[in-house]
Amino acid sequence: MKKGNLFGWVILAATGMGLLSGVGGRSSSSQLAHYPVKRSHIVSEAGTPVVEIVEAVAEGVPQRLERYACRVRNNSPKEITALAVRWTITWSDGASESSDWVSQSRDSRLDPEGRPLAPGEISVFESLGPHIVEGKELKSLHVAVDYVEFADGTSLGPDFSGASQRIALQRAGAEAYRQRLWAILQEQGREALIQRLLQGEDQQESESAGNVAAGLTVRQLAFLREGKEAYRQRLLSIYRQRGVAEVEQKLLRDVTATGAKVHLQR
């Protein structure tokens, strides 16, 4: 059971607020039990948490982990541009134990708000659905900060889940897509740009985008597509809320930010 999902950041007060309704507060069902979750932070040489899991909760029944969530706080003096946590879920059949892991990550470059996590702010990660293992019962959970990328380009964390590579590939997919959209805008105009955004890409174009990563595995190529789709959804959100002119400005800002030479991939 290995998953990599993109999650937004939610700014919350550090104290005085439950994690999530139905998870951090009272259970939505009296039959669901709360399971303890072990937490591992990224700490300084002095032992002070630099990126800290301030709260983690899980609930379910012995044969089913219904939902789980955590809040991660940036205790550093620097903005965080990418962040990943890794959940380890241990099951028992009475004679032996086995574990699954789930990786969750977010990237400010692809997040709808497009804003880094500032010092003191908190990011919320929540599960997308239940986990079930036939013939086994839930034993324990452990959540750890696995990877952190700061705005100055430095990074921390063991990166056991390969989050840094996943994020890099998602960014590469988004960048390849941005270049194609910019070329369409320059060569065909705004109407063609919006039509392409609404339609998405056909299979041939998608395969062409994958050419930038020849030799990668199917899973790695999927990360490229995830990045492309995340960037597409971000632009669609801008278009629906603020119009095509803002989409054009967004593309222009990203061209300026990357400093990349724009070209049409054929």
C-alpha atoms as a PDB file:
ATOM      1  CA  MET A   1       0.000   0.000   0.000  1.00  0.00           C
ATOM      2  CA  LYS A   2       1.993   2.967  -1.236  1.00  0.00           C
ATOM      3  CA  LYS A   3       0.403   6.270  -2.093  1.00  0.00           C
ATOM      4  CA  GLY A   4       1.617   9.759  -2.884  1.00  0.00           C
ATOM      5  CA  ASN A   5      -0.936  12.523  -2.695  1.00  0.00           C
ATOM      6  CA  LEU A   6      -0.847  16.254  -2.939  1.00  0.00           C
ATOM      7  CA  PHE A   7      -2.435  18.194  -0.080  1.00  0.00           C
ATOM      8  CA  GLY A   8      -2.993  21.906   0.537  1.00  0.00           C
ATOM      9  CA  TRP A   9      -1.758  23.781   3.569  1.00  0.00           C
ATOM     10  CA  VAL A  10      -4.206  25.164   6.084  1.00  0.00           C
ATOM     11  CA  ILE A  11      -3.202  28.029   8.358  1.00  0.00           C
ATOM     12  CA  LEU A  12      -4.447  27.387  11.889  1.00  0.00           C
ATOM     13  CA  ALA A  13      -3.681  28.697  15.329  1.00  0.00           C
ATOM     14  CA  ALA A  14      -1.083  26.562  17.038  1.00  0.00           C
ATOM     15  CA  THR A  15      -3.385  25.970  20.004  1.00  0.00           C
ATOM     16  CA  GLY A  16      -7.052  25.994  20.865  1.00  0.00           C
ATOM     17  CA  MET A  17      -8.380  24.172  17.800  1.00  0.00           C
ATOM     18  CA  GLY A  18      -9.191  20.520  17.138  1.00  0.00           C
ATOM     19  CA  LEU A  19      -7.452  18.757  14.282  1.00  0.00           C
ATOM     20  CA  LEU A  20     -10.381  17.976  12.034  1.00  0.00           C
ATOM     21  CA  SER A  21     -14.109  17.619  12.663  1.00  0.00           C
ATOM     22  CA  GLY A  22     -14.971  13.963  13.023  1.00  0.00           C
ATOM     23  CA  VAL A  23     -11.305  13.106  13.528  1.00  0.00           C
ATOM     24  CA  GLY A  24      -9.756  15.450  16.062  1.00  0.00           C
ATOM     25  CA  GLY A  25     -13.086  15.950  17.814  1.00  0.00           C
ATOM     26  CA  ARG A  26     -15.731  13.405  18.767  1.00  0.00           C
ATOM     27  CA  SER A  27     -15.949  10.398  16.486  1.00  0.00           C
ATOM     28  CA  SER A  28     -18.709  10.381  13.887  1.00  0.00           C
ATOM     29  CA  SER A  29     -19.614   6.874  15.093  1.00  0.00           C
ATOM     30  CA  SER A  30     -19.643   5.596  18.678  1.00  0.00           C
ATOM     31  CA  GLN A  31     -18.263   2.281  17.371  1.00  0.00           C
ATOM     32  CA  LEU A  32     -15.011   3.845  16.154  1.00  0.00           C
ATOM     33  CA  ALA A  33     -12.092   3.726  18.559  1.00  0.00           C
ATOM     34  CA  HIS A  34      -9.222   6.205  18.723  1.00  0.00           C
ATOM     35  CA  TYR A  35      -5.778   4.680  18.217  1.00  0.00           C
ATOM     36  CA  PRO A  36      -2.568   6.234  19.565  1.00  0.00           C
ATOM     37  CA  VAL A  37      -0.144   7.545  16.951  1.00  0.00           C
ATOM     38  CA  LYS A  38       3.607   7.749  17.509  1.00  0.00           C
ATOM     39  CA  ARG A  39       5.111  10.967  16.094  1.00  0.00           C
ATOM     40  CA  SER A  40       8.614  11.697  14.796  1.00  0.00           C
ATOM     41  CA  HIS A  41       9.750  15.253  14.088  1.00  0.00           C
ATOM     42  CA  ILE A  42      12.755  16.756  12.371  1.00  0.00           C
ATOM     43  CA  VAL A  43      14.922  18.124  15.158  1.00  0.00           C
ATOM     44  CA  SER A  44      17.960  20.358  15.431  1.00  0.00           C
ATOM     45  CA  GLU A  45      21.318  19.224  16.802  1.00  0.00           C
ATOM     46  CA  ALA A  46      20.143  20.529  20.164  1.00  0.00           C
ATOM     47  CA  GLY A  47      17.067  18.295  19.998  1.00  0.00           C
ATOM     48  CA  THR A  48      14.547  21.077  19.358  1.00  0.00           C
ATOM     49  CA  PRO A  49      11.819  20.245  16.794  1.00  0.00           C
ATOM     50  CA  VAL A  50      12.429  22.247  13.618  1.00  0.00           C
ATOM     51  CA  VAL A  51       9.444  20.813  11.758  1.00  0.00           C
ATOM     52  CA  GLU A  52       7.043  19.350  14.283  1.00  0.00           C
ATOM     53  CA  ILE A  53       3.986  17.114  14.148  1.00  0.00           C
ATOM     54  CA  VAL A  54       1.975  18.902  16.806  1.00  0.00           C
ATOM     55  CA  GLU A  55      -1.033  16.587  16.641  1.00  0.00           C
ATOM     56  CA  ALA A  56      -1.836  13.206  15.102  1.00  0.00           C
ATOM     57  CA  VAL A  57      -5.027  11.185  15.417  1.00  0.00           C
ATOM     58  CA  ALA A  58      -6.453   7.962  14.014  1.00  0.00           C
ATOM     59  CA  GLU A  59      -9.741   6.148  14.436  1.00  0.00           C
ATOM     60  CA  GLY A  60     -11.316   2.936  13.256  1.00  0.00           C
ATOM     61  CA  VAL A  61     -12.125  -0.605  14.309  1.00  0.00           C
ATOM     62  CA  PRO A  62      -9.672  -3.498  14.670  1.00  0.00           C
ATOM     63  CA  GLN A  63     -10.146  -4.646  11.070  1.00  0.00           C
ATOM     64  CA  ARG A  64     -10.423  -1.201   9.481  1.00  0.00           C
ATOM     65  CA  LEU A  65      -8.498   2.063   9.808  1.00  0.00           C
ATOM     66  CA  GLU A  66     -11.247   4.532   9.033  1.00  0.00           C
ATOM     67  CA  ARG A  67      -9.323   7.819   8.936  1.00  0.00           C
ATOM     68  CA  TYR A  68      -6.138   9.460  10.162  1.00  0.00           C
ATOM     69  CA  ALA A  69      -4.742  12.986  10.130  1.00  0.00           C
ATOM     70  CA  CYS A  70      -1.939  15.157  11.451  1.00  0.00           C
ATOM     71  CA  ARG A  71      -0.901  18.791  11.817  1.00  0.00           C
ATOM     72  CA  VAL A  72       2.672  19.803  11.035  1.00  0.00           C
ATOM     73  CA  ARG A  73       4.097  23.112  12.237  1.00  0.00           C
ATOM     74  CA  ASN A  74       7.017  25.011  10.752  1.00  0.00           C
ATOM     75  CA  ASN A  75       9.151  25.959  13.763  1.00  0.00           C
ATOM     76  CA  SER A  76      12.067  27.107  11.615  1.00  0.00           C
ATOM     77  CA  PRO A  77      12.831  30.733  10.676  1.00  0.00           C
ATOM     78  CA  LYS A  78      12.547  29.845   6.964  1.00  0.00           C
ATOM     79  CA  GLU A  79       9.595  29.336   4.613  1.00  0.00           C
ATOM     80  CA  ILE A  80       8.860  25.746   3.578  1.00  0.00           C
ATOM     81  CA  THR A  81       8.191  25.161  -0.129  1.00  0.00           C
ATOM     82  CA  ALA A  82       7.623  21.389  -0.026  1.00  0.00           C
ATOM     83  CA  LEU A  83       6.757  18.986   2.761  1.00  0.00           C
ATOM     84  CA  ALA A  84       6.098  15.244   3.068  1.00  0.00           C
ATOM     85  CA  VAL A  85       4.978  12.989   5.896  1.00  0.00           C
ATOM     86  CA  ARG A  86       5.144   9.200   5.998  1.00  0.00           C
ATOM     87  CA  TRP A  87       2.600   7.049   7.808  1.00  0.00           C
ATOM     88  CA  THR A  88       3.510   3.509   8.869  1.00  0.00           C
ATOM     89  CA  ILE A  89       0.475   1.336   9.613  1.00  0.00           C
ATOM     90  CA  THR A  90       1.161  -1.955  11.405  1.00  0.00           C
ATOM     91  CA  TRP A  91      -1.250  -4.899  11.325  1.00  0.00           C
ATOM     92  CA  SER A  92      -1.231  -8.218  13.207  1.00  0.00           C
ATOM     93  CA  ASP A  93      -2.750 -11.625  12.463  1.00  0.00           C
ATOM     94  CA  GLY A  94      -2.047 -12.820  15.996  1.00  0.00           C
ATOM     95  CA  ALA A  95       1.158 -14.620  15.061  1.00  0.00           C
ATOM     96  CA  SER A  96       3.114 -11.976  13.160  1.00  0.00           C
ATOM     97  CA  GLU A  97       3.025  -8.327  12.191  1.00  0.00           C
ATOM     98  CA  SER A  98       3.306  -6.542   8.842  1.00  0.00           C
ATOM     99  CA  SER A  99       3.376  -2.868   7.896  1.00  0.00           C
ATOM    100  CA  ASP A 100       2.158  -0.665   5.063  1.00  0.00           C
ATOM    101  CA  TRP A 101       3.301   2.888   4.471  1.00  0.00           C
ATOM    102  CA  VAL A 102       1.563   5.887   2.979  1.00  0.00           C
ATOM    103  CA  SER A 103       3.344   9.061   1.862  1.00  0.00           C
ATOM    104  CA  GLN A 104       1.551  12.400   1.716  1.00  0.00           C
ATOM    105  CA  SER A 105       3.144  15.529   0.319  1.00  0.00           C
ATOM    106  CA  ARG A 106       2.445  19.058  -0.809  1.00  0.00           C
ATOM    107  CA  ASP A 107       4.366  21.533  -2.935  1.00  0.00           C
ATOM    108  CA  SER A 108       3.762  25.280  -2.867  1.00  0.00           C
ATOM    109  CA  ARG A 109       4.647  25.502  -6.563  1.00  0.00           C
ATOM    110  CA  LEU A 110       1.617  23.368  -7.426  1.00  0.00           C
ATOM    111  CA  ASP A 111      -0.655  24.191  -4.514  1.00  0.00           C
ATOM    112  CA  PRO A 112      -3.800  26.164  -5.468  1.00  0.00           C
ATOM    113  CA  GLU A 113      -2.732  29.069  -3.255  1.00  0.00           C
ATOM    114  CA  GLY A 114       0.859  28.880  -4.460  1.00  0.00           C
ATOM    115  CA  ARG A 115       2.264  30.138  -1.172  1.00  0.00           C
ATOM    116  CA  PRO A 116       5.027  28.645   1.003  1.00  0.00           C
ATOM    117  CA  LEU A 117       4.413  27.649   4.610  1.00  0.00           C
ATOM    118  CA  ALA A 118       5.672  30.559   6.695  1.00  0.00           C
ATOM    119  CA  PRO A 119       7.394  30.205  10.082  1.00  0.00           C
ATOM    120  CA  GLY A 120       4.842  29.330  12.756  1.00  0.00           C
ATOM    121  CA  GLU A 121       2.175  28.191  10.292  1.00  0.00           C
ATOM    122  CA  ILE A 122       0.613  24.740  10.277  1.00  0.00           C
ATOM    123  CA  SER A 123      -0.068  22.274   7.477  1.00  0.00           C
ATOM    124  CA  VAL A 124      -2.875  19.704   7.768  1.00  0.00           C
ATOM    125  CA  PHE A 125      -2.686  16.257   6.179  1.00  0.00           C
ATOM    126  CA  GLU A 126      -5.758  14.012   6.181  1.00  0.00           C
ATOM    127  CA  SER A 127      -6.330  10.533   4.782  1.00  0.00           C
ATOM    128  CA  LEU A 128      -8.391  10.149   1.616  1.00  0.00           C
ATOM    129  CA  GLY A 129     -10.098   6.926   2.625  1.00  0.00           C
ATOM    130  CA  PRO A 130     -10.111   3.838   4.859  1.00  0.00           C
ATOM    131  CA  HIS A 131      -7.484   1.070   4.916  1.00  0.00           C
ATOM    132  CA  ILE A 132      -8.402  -2.601   5.300  1.00  0.00           C
ATOM    133  CA  VAL A 133      -6.212  -5.718   5.452  1.00  0.00           C
ATOM    134  CA  GLU A 134      -8.139  -9.003   5.303  1.00  0.00           C
ATOM    135  CA  GLY A 135      -7.599 -11.316   8.253  1.00  0.00           C
ATOM    136  CA  LYS A 136      -5.557  -8.810  10.243  1.00  0.00           C
ATOM    137  CA  GLU A 137      -6.194  -6.288  12.988  1.00  0.00           C
ATOM    138  CA  LEU A 138      -4.803  -2.796  13.393  1.00  0.00           C
ATOM    139  CA  LYS A 139      -1.864  -2.761  15.808  1.00  0.00           C
ATOM    140  CA  SER A 140      -0.236   0.684  15.720  1.00  0.00           C
ATOM    141  CA  LEU A 141       0.457   3.835  13.692  1.00  0.00           C
ATOM    142  CA  HIS A 142       3.512   6.021  13.318  1.00  0.00           C
ATOM    143  CA  VAL A 143       3.740   9.311  11.419  1.00  0.00           C
ATOM    144  CA  ALA A 144       7.033  11.043  10.678  1.00  0.00           C
ATOM    145  CA  VAL A 145       8.134  14.196   8.898  1.00  0.00           C
ATOM    146  CA  ASP A 146       9.938  12.576   5.971  1.00  0.00           C
ATOM    147  CA  TYR A 147      11.108  15.450   3.785  1.00  0.00           C
ATOM    148  CA  VAL A 148      11.227  19.240   3.972  1.00  0.00           C
ATOM    149  CA  GLU A 149      12.363  21.689   1.297  1.00  0.00           C
ATOM    150  CA  PHE A 150      12.960  25.288   2.315  1.00  0.00           C
ATOM    151  CA  ALA A 151      12.637  28.401   0.170  1.00  0.00           C
ATOM    152  CA  ASP A 152      16.414  28.872   0.173  1.00  0.00           C
ATOM    153  CA  GLY A 153      16.878  25.504  -1.562  1.00  0.00           C
ATOM    154  CA  THR A 154      18.097  23.560   1.468  1.00  0.00           C
ATOM    155  CA  SER A 155      16.319  20.411   2.618  1.00  0.00           C
ATOM    156  CA  LEU A 156      15.994  18.150   5.655  1.00  0.00           C
ATOM    157  CA  GLY A 157      14.650  14.690   6.389  1.00  0.00           C
ATOM    158  CA  PRO A 158      15.431  11.022   5.707  1.00  0.00           C
ATOM    159  CA  ASP A 159      13.231  10.969   2.574  1.00  0.00           C
ATOM    160  CA  PHE A 160      12.442   7.274   3.026  1.00  0.00           C
ATOM    161  CA  SER A 161       9.401   7.574   0.746  1.00  0.00           C
ATOM    162  CA  GLY A 162      11.313   9.183  -2.134  1.00  0.00           C
ATOM    163  CA  ALA A 163       9.267  12.365  -1.793  1.00  0.00           C
ATOM    164  CA  SER A 164      12.048  14.562  -3.172  1.00  0.00           C
ATOM    165  CA  GLN A 165      12.087  12.631  -6.449  1.00  0.00           C
ATOM    166  CA  ARG A 166       8.292  12.573  -6.632  1.00  0.00           C
ATOM    167  CA  ILE A 167       8.108  16.332  -6.132  1.00  0.00           C
ATOM    168  CA  ALA A 168      10.892  16.940  -8.675  1.00  0.00           C
ATOM    169  CA  LEU A 169       9.087  14.841 -11.295  1.00  0.00           C
ATOM    170  CA  GLN A 170       5.768  16.553 -10.614  1.00  0.00           C
ATOM    171  CA  ARG A 171       7.466  19.912 -11.097  1.00  0.00           C
ATOM    172  CA  ALA A 172       9.058  18.700 -14.334  1.00  0.00           C
ATOM    173  CA  GLY A 173       5.653  17.620 -15.621  1.00  0.00           C
ATOM    174  CA  ALA A 174       4.145  20.975 -14.689  1.00  0.00           C
ATOM    175  CA  GLU A 175       7.005  22.859 -16.353  1.00  0.00           C
ATOM    176  CA  ALA A 176       6.721  20.895 -19.615  1.00  0.00           C
ATOM    177  CA  TYR A 177       2.984  21.598 -19.671  1.00  0.00           C
ATOM    178  CA  ARG A 178       3.520  25.291 -18.899  1.00  0.00           C
ATOM    179  CA  GLN A 179       5.907  25.596 -21.815  1.00  0.00           C
ATOM    180  CA  ARG A 180       3.372  24.056 -24.203  1.00  0.00           C
ATOM    181  CA  LEU A 181       0.626  26.361 -22.942  1.00  0.00           C
ATOM    182  CA  TRP A 182       2.859  29.415 -23.272  1.00  0.00           C
ATOM    183  CA  ALA A 183       3.663  28.461 -26.864  1.00  0.00           C
ATOM    184  CA  ILE A 184      -0.045  28.010 -27.644  1.00  0.00           C
ATOM    185  CA  LEU A 185      -0.778  31.431 -26.164  1.00  0.00           C
ATOM    186  CA  GLN A 186       1.971  33.080 -28.206  1.00  0.00           C
ATOM    187  CA  GLU A 187       1.170  31.311 -31.481  1.00  0.00           C
ATOM    188  CA  GLN A 188      -2.627  30.924 -31.341  1.00  0.00           C
ATOM    189  CA  GLY A 189      -3.928  33.361 -28.738  1.00  0.00           C
ATOM    190  CA  ARG A 190      -6.043  33.321 -25.606  1.00  0.00           C
ATOM    191  CA  GLU A 191      -9.013  31.446 -27.056  1.00  0.00           C
ATOM    192  CA  ALA A 192      -6.844  28.497 -28.073  1.00  0.00           C
ATOM    193  CA  LEU A 193      -5.143  28.539 -24.685  1.00  0.00           C
ATOM    194  CA  ILE A 194      -8.408  28.295 -22.765  1.00  0.00           C
ATOM    195  CA  GLN A 195      -9.728  25.624 -25.117  1.00  0.00           C
ATOM    196  CA  ARG A 196      -6.634  23.538 -24.426  1.00  0.00           C
ATOM    197  CA  LEU A 197      -6.990  24.064 -20.681  1.00  0.00           C
ATOM    198  CA  LEU A 198     -10.607  22.933 -20.739  1.00  0.00           C
ATOM    199  CA  GLN A 199      -9.932  19.915 -22.951  1.00  0.00           C
ATOM    200  CA  GLY A 200      -6.715  18.715 -21.382  1.00  0.00           C
ATOM    201  CA  GLU A 201      -4.231  16.795 -23.531  1.00  0.00           C
ATOM    202  CA  ASP A 202      -4.757  13.841 -25.808  1.00  0.00           C
ATOM    203  CA  GLN A 203      -2.737  10.643 -25.433  1.00  0.00           C
ATOM    204  CA  GLN A 204      -0.211  11.575 -28.117  1.00  0.00           C
ATOM    205  CA  GLU A 205       0.606  14.873 -26.415  1.00  0.00           C
ATOM    206  CA  SER A 206       0.834  13.164 -23.044  1.00  0.00           C
ATOM    207  CA  GLU A 207       3.307  10.634 -24.398  1.00  0.00           C
ATOM    208  CA  SER A 208       5.320  13.449 -25.980  1.00  0.00           C
ATOM    209  CA  ALA A 209       5.553  15.130 -22.587  1.00  0.00           C
ATOM    210  CA  GLY A 210       6.925  11.893 -21.175  1.00  0.00           C
ATOM    211  CA  ASN A 211       9.823  12.041 -23.607  1.00  0.00           C
ATOM    212  CA  VAL A 212      11.597  14.444 -21.257  1.00  0.00           C
ATOM    213  CA  ALA A 213      11.987  11.523 -18.868  1.00  0.00           C
ATOM    214  CA  ALA A 214      12.815   8.597 -21.133  1.00  0.00           C
ATOM    215  CA  GLY A 215      13.817   5.530 -19.161  1.00  0.00           C
ATOM    216  CA  LEU A 216      11.733   6.302 -16.091  1.00  0.00           C
ATOM    217  CA  THR A 217       9.400   3.728 -14.592  1.00  0.00           C
ATOM    218  CA  VAL A 218       5.642   3.729 -15.092  1.00  0.00           C
ATOM    219  CA  ARG A 219       5.238   5.093 -11.565  1.00  0.00           C
ATOM    220  CA  GLN A 220       7.730   7.890 -12.198  1.00  0.00           C
ATOM    221  CA  LEU A 221       6.002   8.843 -15.440  1.00  0.00           C
ATOM    222  CA  ALA A 222       2.762   8.957 -13.470  1.00  0.00           C
ATOM    223  CA  PHE A 223       4.336  11.630 -11.255  1.00  0.00           C
ATOM    224  CA  LEU A 224       5.030  13.711 -14.385  1.00  0.00           C
ATOM    225  CA  ARG A 225       1.356  13.463 -15.316  1.00  0.00           C
ATOM    226  CA  GLU A 226       0.302  14.346 -11.769  1.00  0.00           C
ATOM    227  CA  GLY A 227       2.351  17.534 -11.952  1.00  0.00           C
ATOM    228  CA  LYS A 228       0.883  18.463 -15.311  1.00  0.00           C
ATOM    229  CA  GLU A 229      -2.651  17.896 -14.086  1.00  0.00           C
ATOM    230  CA  ALA A 230      -2.038  19.813 -10.843  1.00  0.00           C
ATOM    231  CA  TYR A 231      -0.769  22.802 -12.829  1.00  0.00           C
ATOM    232  CA  ARG A 232      -3.728  22.540 -15.213  1.00  0.00           C
ATOM    233  CA  GLN A 233      -6.197  22.536 -12.318  1.00  0.00           C
ATOM    234  CA  ARG A 234      -4.464  25.536 -10.776  1.00  0.00           C
ATOM    235  CA  LEU A 235      -4.788  27.497 -14.028  1.00  0.00           C
ATOM    236  CA  LEU A 236      -8.413  26.422 -14.441  1.00  0.00           C
ATOM    237  CA  SER A 237      -9.160  27.710 -10.948  1.00  0.00           C
ATOM    238  CA  ILE A 238      -7.568  31.054 -11.827  1.00  0.00           C
ATOM    239  CA  TYR A 239      -9.548  31.216 -15.083  1.00  0.00           C
ATOM    240  CA  ARG A 240     -12.899  30.505 -13.424  1.00  0.00           C
ATOM    241  CA  GLN A 241     -12.314  32.959 -10.601  1.00  0.00           C
ATOM    242  CA  ARG A 242     -10.485  35.812 -12.346  1.00  0.00           C
ATOM    243  CA  GLY A 243     -10.576  35.298 -16.107  1.00  0.00           C
ATOM    244  CA  VAL A 244      -8.201  34.591 -18.975  1.00  0.00           C
ATOM    245  CA  ALA A 245      -6.078  37.713 -18.442  1.00  0.00           C
ATOM    246  CA  GLU A 246      -5.017  36.392 -15.029  1.00  0.00           C
ATOM    247  CA  VAL A 247      -4.135  33.032 -16.574  1.00  0.00           C
ATOM    248  CA  GLU A 248      -1.872  34.828 -19.031  1.00  0.00           C
ATOM    249  CA  GLN A 249      -0.263  36.786 -16.199  1.00  0.00           C
ATOM    250  CA  LYS A 250       0.267  33.581 -14.232  1.00  0.00           C
ATOM    251  CA  LEU A 251       2.037  31.951 -17.182  1.00  0.00           C
ATOM    252  CA  LEU A 252       4.153  35.052 -17.653  1.00  0.00           C
ATOM    253  CA  ARG A 253       5.141  35.135 -13.974  1.00  0.00           C
ATOM    254  CA  ASP A 254       6.129  31.479 -14.104  1.00  0.00           C
ATOM    255  CA  VAL A 255       8.209  32.041 -17.236  1.00  0.00           C
ATOM    256  CA  THR A 256      10.017  34.864 -15.460  1.00  0.00           C
ATOM    257  CA  ALA A 257      10.440  32.831 -12.277  1.00  0.00           C
ATOM    258  CA  THR A 258      11.963  29.801 -13.974  1.00  0.00           C
ATOM    259  CA  GLY A 259      14.071  31.746 -16.430  1.00  0.00           C
ATOM    260  CA  ALA A 260      13.499  28.850 -18.812  1.00  0.00           C
ATOM    261  CA  LYS A 261      13.651  29.276 -22.547  1.00  0.00           C
ATOM    262  CA  VAL A 262      10.139  28.761 -23.852  1.00  0.00           C
ATOM    263  CA  HIS A 263       9.714  26.358 -26.734  1.00  0.00           C
ATOM    264  CA  LEU A 264       6.992  24.183 -28.181  1.00  0.00           C
ATOM    265  CA  GLN A 265       7.557  20.481 -27.608  1.00  0.00           C
ATOM    266  CA  ARG A 266       6.609  18.545 -30.736  1.00  0.00           C
END
